[in-house]
Every structure is written in C-alpha cells, then in structure tokens.
Amino acid sequence: MKSDYLGILSSIKQDIERYEISQINKPSLIVVTKSQSNEDIEKIVEAGNKCLGENYVDEAIKKIDFFKTRSLEWHFIGKIQSNKIKKISKYFDWVQTISSIKHAELFNQACEGLSKKMNVCIQVNIDREQSKSGILIEDLDDLIVNILPLNNLILRGLMAIPSKINALKENINSYKILKSEYDRLQHKYKSFNTLSIGMSNDYKLAIDNGSNMVRIGSLIFGERK
C-alpha cells in the first residue's frame, strides 16, 4: 500500500480535469479497489470517489455489503463466469465485460428476476491478444443487435484493455479505432455514451484519444500482492 495514495489519487483527478471539454464529456474515474481493505476504501469514498471497480465477485460482495448504506456505484470489470452471473446481477450496478450473447441473456434473465436494469459495456479485444477476453471488433455489430432487445440491460458503450506494449510505445492506433467505433455507434444508439479505456499505465493516452471513463487501481494503491 502506498502511504501517499490519497495524494496520488488527487493528482490523477487533476489530470482528468485538465482533459475536460465540457461537463457532458468530462472523463469519469473508476477507482479499482480489488484487494483493498474496507478502511482504505472508506478513505477513498470520503475523498469524494463514489464509483468503484472490482474484478472478483466474492471478494467484492463483502465490500458492497459493508458499504451498503453509502451511495456508491459498483462496476464489475473482471472476467465473467456463468455461475457468478446471478451474484453480479444482484450486487453490481454496471458490468463492463460482456463479450457473448450467452452471458448477456443470462444477465438479462437474472435482472428480470430482480426487477432491475443493468448498465453494460461490451468488451472489445482490440489487439487480438489470446490472454484477454472480449470480442473482435468486426463482431461488434452482431452482438449489439442481439443485446438491444434484452429489456433489462442498458447498453452503455465499449470497454477495452489495449496492449501494454502499445501503451508503452504510445502506439495510438488501437485507441483511435475504438474511438471511431464508439462515435459511429453513439450516433446509432441513444444509450451509448461510455468509452471505457485507460488504466494505471495508459490513462492519459486513453483520454487523449477519446476515452471518457478510466479504471485505475495500482497507480493509486500500489501493485497487488
């Protein structure tokens, strides 16, 4: 744990503020709190951060229960397992990693049983990395067409994790492709308003190239042990 993590968080927020074009387009910050204690999350919340991201369902549920009296927005940003979908549907407000119609239908069914609507993003494997989840960009339209009729899902946009090598070399091609796709889809679908790209290693590069949501954890807290 970094001793000055609140200071680092403040610096990140100042970076984000500098990219603000308008109140509508201001990038939002998801603080990734996986592996962090309730005590440290409390400090993050007290500093004004209400949007939190978690990768692991069972770990997250304990935190969500602990903070259930607070007005927080919880984003699931991990790999989806079919047997965890009911739990994710119950506890989270957003799922950013939809990449199959099977999972979308299971979320829709679970949310219907809860009388709930879930915000979802489609995860795109923009650099075709075997180690990452997500659909290929050429399959995007087919998945969208199948998700739109699911009444308990609100399709909010795209999520991606560009290659670390590209980020290190500041190769912006993948970011530009994602922004182009996002712009095209935003003109077609009224609920489409989120381009979730950018993590601790590339959030400035991502915002420079059109991201309006970044997900940052290790830069704030230090690498997870």
C-alpha atoms as a PDB file:
ATOM      1  CA  MET A   1       0.000   0.000   0.000  1.00  0.00           C
ATOM      2  CA  LYS A   2       1.314   3.405  -0.961  1.00  0.00           C
ATOM      3  CA  SER A   3       1.359   5.721   2.036  1.00  0.00           C
ATOM      4  CA  ASP A   4       0.519   8.737  -0.126  1.00  0.00           C
ATOM      5  CA  TYR A   5      -2.239   7.098  -2.178  1.00  0.00           C
ATOM      6  CA  LEU A   6      -4.747   9.877  -1.491  1.00  0.00           C
ATOM      7  CA  GLY A   7      -2.250  12.371  -2.873  1.00  0.00           C
ATOM      8  CA  ILE A   8      -1.733  10.229  -5.971  1.00  0.00           C
ATOM      9  CA  LEU A   9      -5.493   9.962  -6.381  1.00  0.00           C
ATOM     10  CA  SER A  10      -5.802  13.745  -6.168  1.00  0.00           C
ATOM     11  CA  SER A  11      -3.105  14.115  -8.847  1.00  0.00           C
ATOM     12  CA  ILE A  12      -4.936  11.690 -11.167  1.00  0.00           C
ATOM     13  CA  LYS A  13      -8.163  13.632 -10.731  1.00  0.00           C
ATOM     14  CA  GLN A  14      -6.351  16.852 -11.583  1.00  0.00           C
ATOM     15  CA  ASP A  15      -5.018  15.188 -14.746  1.00  0.00           C
ATOM     16  CA  ILE A  16      -8.560  14.184 -15.672  1.00  0.00           C
ATOM     17  CA  GLU A  17      -9.867  17.688 -15.002  1.00  0.00           C
ATOM     18  CA  ARG A  18      -7.374  19.094 -17.487  1.00  0.00           C
ATOM     19  CA  TYR A  19      -8.932  16.968 -20.239  1.00  0.00           C
ATOM     20  CA  GLU A  20     -12.421  18.290 -19.598  1.00  0.00           C
ATOM     21  CA  ILE A  21     -14.078  19.551 -22.794  1.00  0.00           C
ATOM     22  CA  SER A  22     -17.492  20.129 -21.270  1.00  0.00           C
ATOM     23  CA  GLN A  23     -19.465  18.882 -18.282  1.00  0.00           C
ATOM     24  CA  ILE A  24     -21.005  16.244 -20.548  1.00  0.00           C
ATOM     25  CA  ASN A  25     -17.681  14.966 -21.868  1.00  0.00           C
ATOM     26  CA  LYS A  26     -15.673  15.104 -18.661  1.00  0.00           C
ATOM     27  CA  PRO A  27     -13.964  11.721 -18.175  1.00  0.00           C
ATOM     28  CA  SER A  28     -15.102   9.744 -15.154  1.00  0.00           C
ATOM     29  CA  LEU A  29     -12.832   7.801 -12.816  1.00  0.00           C
ATOM     30  CA  ILE A  30     -13.492   4.274 -11.591  1.00  0.00           C
ATOM     31  CA  VAL A  31     -11.239   3.559  -8.608  1.00  0.00           C
ATOM     32  CA  VAL A  32     -10.350  -0.135  -8.732  1.00  0.00           C
ATOM     33  CA  THR A  33     -10.472  -1.408  -5.163  1.00  0.00           C
ATOM     34  CA  LYS A  34      -9.695  -5.104  -5.563  1.00  0.00           C
ATOM     35  CA  SER A  35      -7.617  -6.447  -2.644  1.00  0.00           C
ATOM     36  CA  GLN A  36      -8.047  -3.193  -0.692  1.00  0.00           C
ATOM     37  CA  SER A  37      -9.297  -3.093   2.898  1.00  0.00           C
ATOM     38  CA  ASN A  38     -12.595  -1.511   3.906  1.00  0.00           C
ATOM     39  CA  GLU A  39     -10.603   1.037   5.888  1.00  0.00           C
ATOM     40  CA  ASP A  40      -8.713   2.209   2.805  1.00  0.00           C
ATOM     41  CA  ILE A  41     -11.836   2.160   0.639  1.00  0.00           C
ATOM     42  CA  GLU A  42     -13.533   4.326   3.264  1.00  0.00           C
ATOM     43  CA  LYS A  43     -10.794   6.931   2.804  1.00  0.00           C
ATOM     44  CA  ILE A  44     -11.288   6.806  -0.967  1.00  0.00           C
ATOM     45  CA  VAL A  45     -15.034   7.310  -0.533  1.00  0.00           C
ATOM     46  CA  GLU A  46     -14.554  10.144   1.966  1.00  0.00           C
ATOM     47  CA  ALA A  47     -12.319  11.847  -0.622  1.00  0.00           C
ATOM     48  CA  GLY A  48     -15.354  12.016  -2.902  1.00  0.00           C
ATOM     49  CA  ASN A  49     -14.992   8.908  -5.055  1.00  0.00           C
ATOM     50  CA  LYS A  50     -18.307   7.104  -5.443  1.00  0.00           C
ATOM     51  CA  CYS A  51     -17.579   4.851  -8.458  1.00  0.00           C
ATOM     52  CA  LEU A  52     -15.628   1.720  -7.558  1.00  0.00           C
ATOM     53  CA  GLY A  53     -14.491  -1.224  -9.655  1.00  0.00           C
ATOM     54  CA  GLU A  54     -13.989  -4.836  -8.651  1.00  0.00           C
ATOM     55  CA  ASN A  55     -12.694  -7.905 -10.517  1.00  0.00           C
ATOM     56  CA  TYR A  56     -13.595 -10.750  -8.183  1.00  0.00           C
ATOM     57  CA  VAL A  57     -17.199 -11.400  -7.262  1.00  0.00           C
ATOM     58  CA  ASP A  58     -16.977 -12.979  -3.812  1.00  0.00           C
ATOM     59  CA  GLU A  59     -14.346 -10.503  -2.618  1.00  0.00           C
ATOM     60  CA  ALA A  60     -16.478  -7.639  -3.891  1.00  0.00           C
ATOM     61  CA  ILE A  61     -19.717  -8.790  -2.261  1.00  0.00           C
ATOM     62  CA  LYS A  62     -18.221  -8.444   1.237  1.00  0.00           C
ATOM     63  CA  LYS A  63     -17.234  -4.862   0.466  1.00  0.00           C
ATOM     64  CA  ILE A  64     -20.546  -3.991  -1.156  1.00  0.00           C
ATOM     65  CA  ASP A  65     -22.388  -5.318   1.901  1.00  0.00           C
ATOM     66  CA  PHE A  66     -20.082  -3.365   4.215  1.00  0.00           C
ATOM     67  CA  PHE A  67     -20.779  -0.103   2.348  1.00  0.00           C
ATOM     68  CA  LYS A  68     -24.441  -0.762   1.603  1.00  0.00           C
ATOM     69  CA  THR A  69     -25.591   2.381   3.433  1.00  0.00           C
ATOM     70  CA  ARG A  70     -23.396   4.560   1.216  1.00  0.00           C
ATOM     71  CA  SER A  71     -24.499   5.801  -2.195  1.00  0.00           C
ATOM     72  CA  LEU A  72     -21.819   4.043  -4.220  1.00  0.00           C
ATOM     73  CA  GLU A  73     -21.781   2.803  -7.806  1.00  0.00           C
ATOM     74  CA  TRP A  74     -20.128  -0.590  -8.259  1.00  0.00           C
ATOM     75  CA  HIS A  75     -18.639  -1.683 -11.597  1.00  0.00           C
ATOM     76  CA  PHE A  76     -17.787  -5.300 -12.345  1.00  0.00           C
ATOM     77  CA  ILE A  77     -14.658  -5.222 -14.515  1.00  0.00           C
ATOM     78  CA  GLY A  78     -13.434  -8.811 -14.280  1.00  0.00           C
ATOM     79  CA  LYS A  79     -13.804 -11.916 -16.376  1.00  0.00           C
ATOM     80  CA  ILE A  80     -17.378 -13.199 -16.294  1.00  0.00           C
ATOM     81  CA  GLN A  81     -18.091 -16.743 -15.128  1.00  0.00           C
ATOM     82  CA  SER A  82     -21.576 -18.053 -15.884  1.00  0.00           C
ATOM     83  CA  ASN A  83     -22.038 -19.407 -12.362  1.00  0.00           C
ATOM     84  CA  LYS A  84     -21.393 -15.933 -10.885  1.00  0.00           C
ATOM     85  CA  ILE A  85     -23.872 -14.017 -13.046  1.00  0.00           C
ATOM     86  CA  LYS A  86     -26.733 -14.092 -10.528  1.00  0.00           C
ATOM     87  CA  LYS A  87     -24.461 -12.664  -7.827  1.00  0.00           C
ATOM     88  CA  ILE A  88     -23.066  -9.984 -10.146  1.00  0.00           C
ATOM     89  CA  SER A  89     -26.596  -9.016 -11.158  1.00  0.00           C
ATOM     90  CA  LYS A  90     -27.675  -8.675  -7.556  1.00  0.00           C
ATOM     91  CA  TYR A  91     -24.760  -6.648  -6.228  1.00  0.00           C
ATOM     92  CA  PHE A  92     -23.369  -4.556  -9.085  1.00  0.00           C
ATOM     93  CA  ASP A  93     -24.688  -1.524 -10.979  1.00  0.00           C
ATOM     94  CA  TRP A  94     -22.529  -1.974 -14.080  1.00  0.00           C
ATOM     95  CA  VAL A  95     -20.943  -4.890 -15.931  1.00  0.00           C
ATOM     96  CA  GLN A  96     -18.193  -3.713 -18.260  1.00  0.00           C
ATOM     97  CA  THR A  97     -17.046  -7.068 -19.640  1.00  0.00           C
ATOM     98  CA  ILE A  98     -19.909  -8.506 -21.707  1.00  0.00           C
ATOM     99  CA  SER A  99     -18.497 -10.399 -24.679  1.00  0.00           C
ATOM    100  CA  SER A 100     -21.084 -13.036 -25.588  1.00  0.00           C
ATOM    101  CA  ILE A 101     -24.815 -13.205 -26.191  1.00  0.00           C
ATOM    102  CA  LYS A 102     -24.981 -16.180 -23.788  1.00  0.00           C
ATOM    103  CA  HIS A 103     -23.760 -14.048 -20.900  1.00  0.00           C
ATOM    104  CA  ALA A 104     -25.937 -11.111 -21.943  1.00  0.00           C
ATOM    105  CA  GLU A 105     -29.044 -13.319 -21.926  1.00  0.00           C
ATOM    106  CA  LEU A 106     -28.151 -14.753 -18.513  1.00  0.00           C
ATOM    107  CA  PHE A 107     -27.694 -11.257 -17.090  1.00  0.00           C
ATOM    108  CA  ASN A 108     -30.999 -10.173 -18.594  1.00  0.00           C
ATOM    109  CA  GLN A 109     -32.769 -13.165 -17.063  1.00  0.00           C
ATOM    110  CA  ALA A 110     -31.189 -12.592 -13.641  1.00  0.00           C
ATOM    111  CA  CYS A 111     -32.021  -8.881 -13.696  1.00  0.00           C
ATOM    112  CA  GLU A 112     -35.589  -9.597 -14.728  1.00  0.00           C
ATOM    113  CA  GLY A 113     -35.957 -11.719 -11.608  1.00  0.00           C
ATOM    114  CA  LEU A 114     -34.611  -8.828  -9.547  1.00  0.00           C
ATOM    115  CA  SER A 115     -36.820  -6.221 -11.302  1.00  0.00           C
ATOM    116  CA  LYS A 116     -33.594  -4.407 -12.104  1.00  0.00           C
ATOM    117  CA  LYS A 117     -31.909  -2.834 -15.104  1.00  0.00           C
ATOM    118  CA  MET A 118     -28.161  -3.312 -15.514  1.00  0.00           C
ATOM    119  CA  ASN A 119     -25.754  -0.944 -17.261  1.00  0.00           C
ATOM    120  CA  VAL A 120     -23.467  -2.940 -19.547  1.00  0.00           C
ATOM    121  CA  CYS A 121     -20.466  -2.337 -21.779  1.00  0.00           C
ATOM    122  CA  ILE A 122     -19.183  -4.687 -24.443  1.00  0.00           C
ATOM    123  CA  GLN A 123     -15.559  -5.669 -24.011  1.00  0.00           C
ATOM    124  CA  VAL A 124     -13.560  -5.496 -27.237  1.00  0.00           C
ATOM    125  CA  ASN A 125     -10.296  -7.392 -27.620  1.00  0.00           C
ATOM    126  CA  ILE A 126      -8.868  -4.616 -29.753  1.00  0.00           C
ATOM    127  CA  ASP A 127      -5.346  -6.045 -30.105  1.00  0.00           C
ATOM    128  CA  ARG A 128      -6.466  -9.688 -30.545  1.00  0.00           C
ATOM    129  CA  GLU A 129      -4.498 -10.883 -27.530  1.00  0.00           C
ATOM    130  CA  GLN A 130      -5.100 -14.511 -26.603  1.00  0.00           C
ATOM    131  CA  SER A 131      -4.641 -13.700 -22.915  1.00  0.00           C
ATOM    132  CA  LYS A 132      -7.575 -11.256 -22.884  1.00  0.00           C
ATOM    133  CA  SER A 133     -11.329 -11.617 -23.015  1.00  0.00           C
ATOM    134  CA  GLY A 134     -13.516  -9.657 -25.380  1.00  0.00           C
ATOM    135  CA  ILE A 135     -14.931  -9.888 -28.868  1.00  0.00           C
ATOM    136  CA  LEU A 136     -13.165  -8.913 -32.059  1.00  0.00           C
ATOM    137  CA  ILE A 137     -14.162  -5.532 -33.369  1.00  0.00           C
ATOM    138  CA  GLU A 138     -15.638  -6.989 -36.566  1.00  0.00           C
ATOM    139  CA  ASP A 139     -18.131  -8.964 -34.446  1.00  0.00           C
ATOM    140  CA  LEU A 140     -19.370  -5.915 -32.569  1.00  0.00           C
ATOM    141  CA  ASP A 141     -22.453  -5.131 -34.607  1.00  0.00           C
ATOM    142  CA  ASP A 142     -23.809  -8.681 -34.446  1.00  0.00           C
ATOM    143  CA  LEU A 143     -23.531  -8.749 -30.654  1.00  0.00           C
ATOM    144  CA  ILE A 144     -25.150  -5.324 -30.299  1.00  0.00           C
ATOM    145  CA  VAL A 145     -28.123  -6.373 -32.433  1.00  0.00           C
ATOM    146  CA  ASN A 146     -28.668  -9.350 -30.125  1.00  0.00           C
ATOM    147  CA  ILE A 147     -28.272  -7.355 -26.888  1.00  0.00           C
ATOM    148  CA  LEU A 148     -30.619  -4.484 -27.767  1.00  0.00           C
ATOM    149  CA  PRO A 149     -33.877  -6.496 -27.378  1.00  0.00           C
ATOM    150  CA  LEU A 150     -32.894  -7.548 -23.833  1.00  0.00           C
ATOM    151  CA  ASN A 151     -35.095  -5.202 -21.820  1.00  0.00           C
ATOM    152  CA  ASN A 152     -33.226  -5.460 -18.526  1.00  0.00           C
ATOM    153  CA  LEU A 153     -29.893  -4.429 -19.986  1.00  0.00           C
ATOM    154  CA  ILE A 154     -28.924  -0.844 -20.845  1.00  0.00           C
ATOM    155  CA  LEU A 155     -26.151  -0.886 -23.421  1.00  0.00           C
ATOM    156  CA  ARG A 156     -23.876   1.979 -22.374  1.00  0.00           C
ATOM    157  CA  GLY A 157     -20.830   1.560 -24.580  1.00  0.00           C
ATOM    158  CA  LEU A 158     -17.478  -0.131 -25.138  1.00  0.00           C
ATOM    159  CA  MET A 159     -14.708  -1.264 -22.818  1.00  0.00           C
ATOM    160  CA  ALA A 160     -11.214  -2.362 -23.827  1.00  0.00           C
ATOM    161  CA  ILE A 161      -7.743  -3.053 -22.466  1.00  0.00           C
ATOM    162  CA  PRO A 162      -5.250  -2.143 -25.194  1.00  0.00           C
ATOM    163  CA  SER A 163      -1.942  -3.979 -25.293  1.00  0.00           C
ATOM    164  CA  LYS A 164       0.626  -2.880 -22.707  1.00  0.00           C
ATOM    165  CA  ILE A 165       3.252  -2.868 -25.450  1.00  0.00           C
ATOM    166  CA  ASN A 166       1.191  -0.423 -27.490  1.00  0.00           C
ATOM    167  CA  ALA A 167       0.704   1.761 -24.441  1.00  0.00           C
ATOM    168  CA  LEU A 168       4.423   1.705 -23.658  1.00  0.00           C
ATOM    169  CA  LYS A 169       5.299   2.695 -27.220  1.00  0.00           C
ATOM    170  CA  GLU A 170       2.418   5.221 -27.282  1.00  0.00           C
ATOM    171  CA  ASN A 171       1.044   3.485 -30.354  1.00  0.00           C
ATOM    172  CA  ILE A 172      -2.380   5.113 -30.577  1.00  0.00           C
ATOM    173  CA  ASN A 173      -3.840   3.112 -33.478  1.00  0.00           C
ATOM    174  CA  SER A 174      -5.974   0.832 -31.290  1.00  0.00           C
ATOM    175  CA  TYR A 175      -7.277   3.796 -29.296  1.00  0.00           C
ATOM    176  CA  LYS A 176      -8.222   5.629 -32.476  1.00  0.00           C
ATOM    177  CA  ILE A 177     -10.052   2.583 -33.871  1.00  0.00           C
ATOM    178  CA  LEU A 178     -12.039   2.258 -30.652  1.00  0.00           C
ATOM    179  CA  LYS A 179     -12.927   5.957 -30.656  1.00  0.00           C
ATOM    180  CA  SER A 180     -14.066   5.723 -34.289  1.00  0.00           C
ATOM    181  CA  GLU A 181     -16.298   2.738 -33.491  1.00  0.00           C
ATOM    182  CA  TYR A 182     -17.660   4.472 -30.413  1.00  0.00           C
ATOM    183  CA  ASP A 183     -18.533   7.608 -32.412  1.00  0.00           C
ATOM    184  CA  ARG A 184     -20.279   5.517 -35.061  1.00  0.00           C
ATOM    185  CA  LEU A 185     -22.331   3.591 -32.515  1.00  0.00           C
ATOM    186  CA  GLN A 186     -23.131   6.637 -30.410  1.00  0.00           C
ATOM    187  CA  HIS A 187     -24.892   8.138 -33.410  1.00  0.00           C
ATOM    188  CA  LYS A 188     -26.992   4.971 -33.790  1.00  0.00           C
ATOM    189  CA  TYR A 189     -27.961   4.191 -30.190  1.00  0.00           C
ATOM    190  CA  LYS A 190     -29.148   6.800 -27.700  1.00  0.00           C
ATOM    191  CA  SER A 191     -27.960   4.935 -24.585  1.00  0.00           C
ATOM    192  CA  PHE A 192     -24.416   4.659 -25.965  1.00  0.00           C
ATOM    193  CA  ASN A 193     -22.364   7.202 -24.009  1.00  0.00           C
ATOM    194  CA  THR A 194     -19.385   5.363 -22.497  1.00  0.00           C
ATOM    195  CA  LEU A 195     -15.938   4.595 -23.870  1.00  0.00           C
ATOM    196  CA  SER A 196     -14.134   2.836 -21.018  1.00  0.00           C
ATOM    197  CA  ILE A 197     -10.438   2.700 -21.898  1.00  0.00           C
ATOM    198  CA  GLY A 198      -7.400   3.521 -19.802  1.00  0.00           C
ATOM    199  CA  MET A 199      -5.830   2.034 -16.701  1.00  0.00           C
ATOM    200  CA  SER A 200      -2.880   2.918 -14.483  1.00  0.00           C
ATOM    201  CA  ASN A 201      -0.354   2.529 -17.307  1.00  0.00           C
ATOM    202  CA  ASP A 202      -2.199   4.368 -20.094  1.00  0.00           C
ATOM    203  CA  TYR A 203      -4.988   6.571 -18.773  1.00  0.00           C
ATOM    204  CA  LYS A 204      -3.507   9.794 -20.155  1.00  0.00           C
ATOM    205  CA  LEU A 205      -3.002   8.211 -23.572  1.00  0.00           C
ATOM    206  CA  ALA A 206      -6.553   6.858 -23.476  1.00  0.00           C
ATOM    207  CA  ILE A 207      -8.151  10.187 -22.557  1.00  0.00           C
ATOM    208  CA  ASP A 208      -6.057  11.922 -25.216  1.00  0.00           C
ATOM    209  CA  ASN A 209      -7.714   9.586 -27.697  1.00  0.00           C
ATOM    210  CA  GLY A 210     -11.330   9.886 -26.634  1.00  0.00           C
ATOM    211  CA  SER A 211     -11.869   7.745 -23.543  1.00  0.00           C
ATOM    212  CA  ASN A 212     -14.478   9.158 -21.152  1.00  0.00           C
ATOM    213  CA  MET A 213     -14.054   6.540 -18.416  1.00  0.00           C
ATOM    214  CA  VAL A 214     -10.809   5.278 -16.882  1.00  0.00           C
ATOM    215  CA  ARG A 215     -10.269   2.449 -14.403  1.00  0.00           C
ATOM    216  CA  ILE A 216      -7.305   2.984 -12.078  1.00  0.00           C
ATOM    217  CA  GLY A 217      -6.126   0.884  -9.154  1.00  0.00           C
ATOM    218  CA  SER A 218      -2.430   0.001  -8.945  1.00  0.00           C
ATOM    219  CA  LEU A 219      -1.235   3.552  -9.623  1.00  0.00           C
ATOM    220  CA  ILE A 220      -3.193   4.667  -6.560  1.00  0.00           C
ATOM    221  CA  PHE A 221      -2.659   1.762  -4.188  1.00  0.00           C
ATOM    222  CA  GLY A 222       0.478   0.064  -5.491  1.00  0.00           C
ATOM    223  CA  GLU A 223       0.753  -3.313  -7.189  1.00  0.00           C
ATOM    224  CA  ARG A 224      -1.478  -6.018  -5.785  1.00  0.00           C
ATOM    225  CA  LYS A 225       0.419  -8.602  -3.766  1.00  0.00           C
END
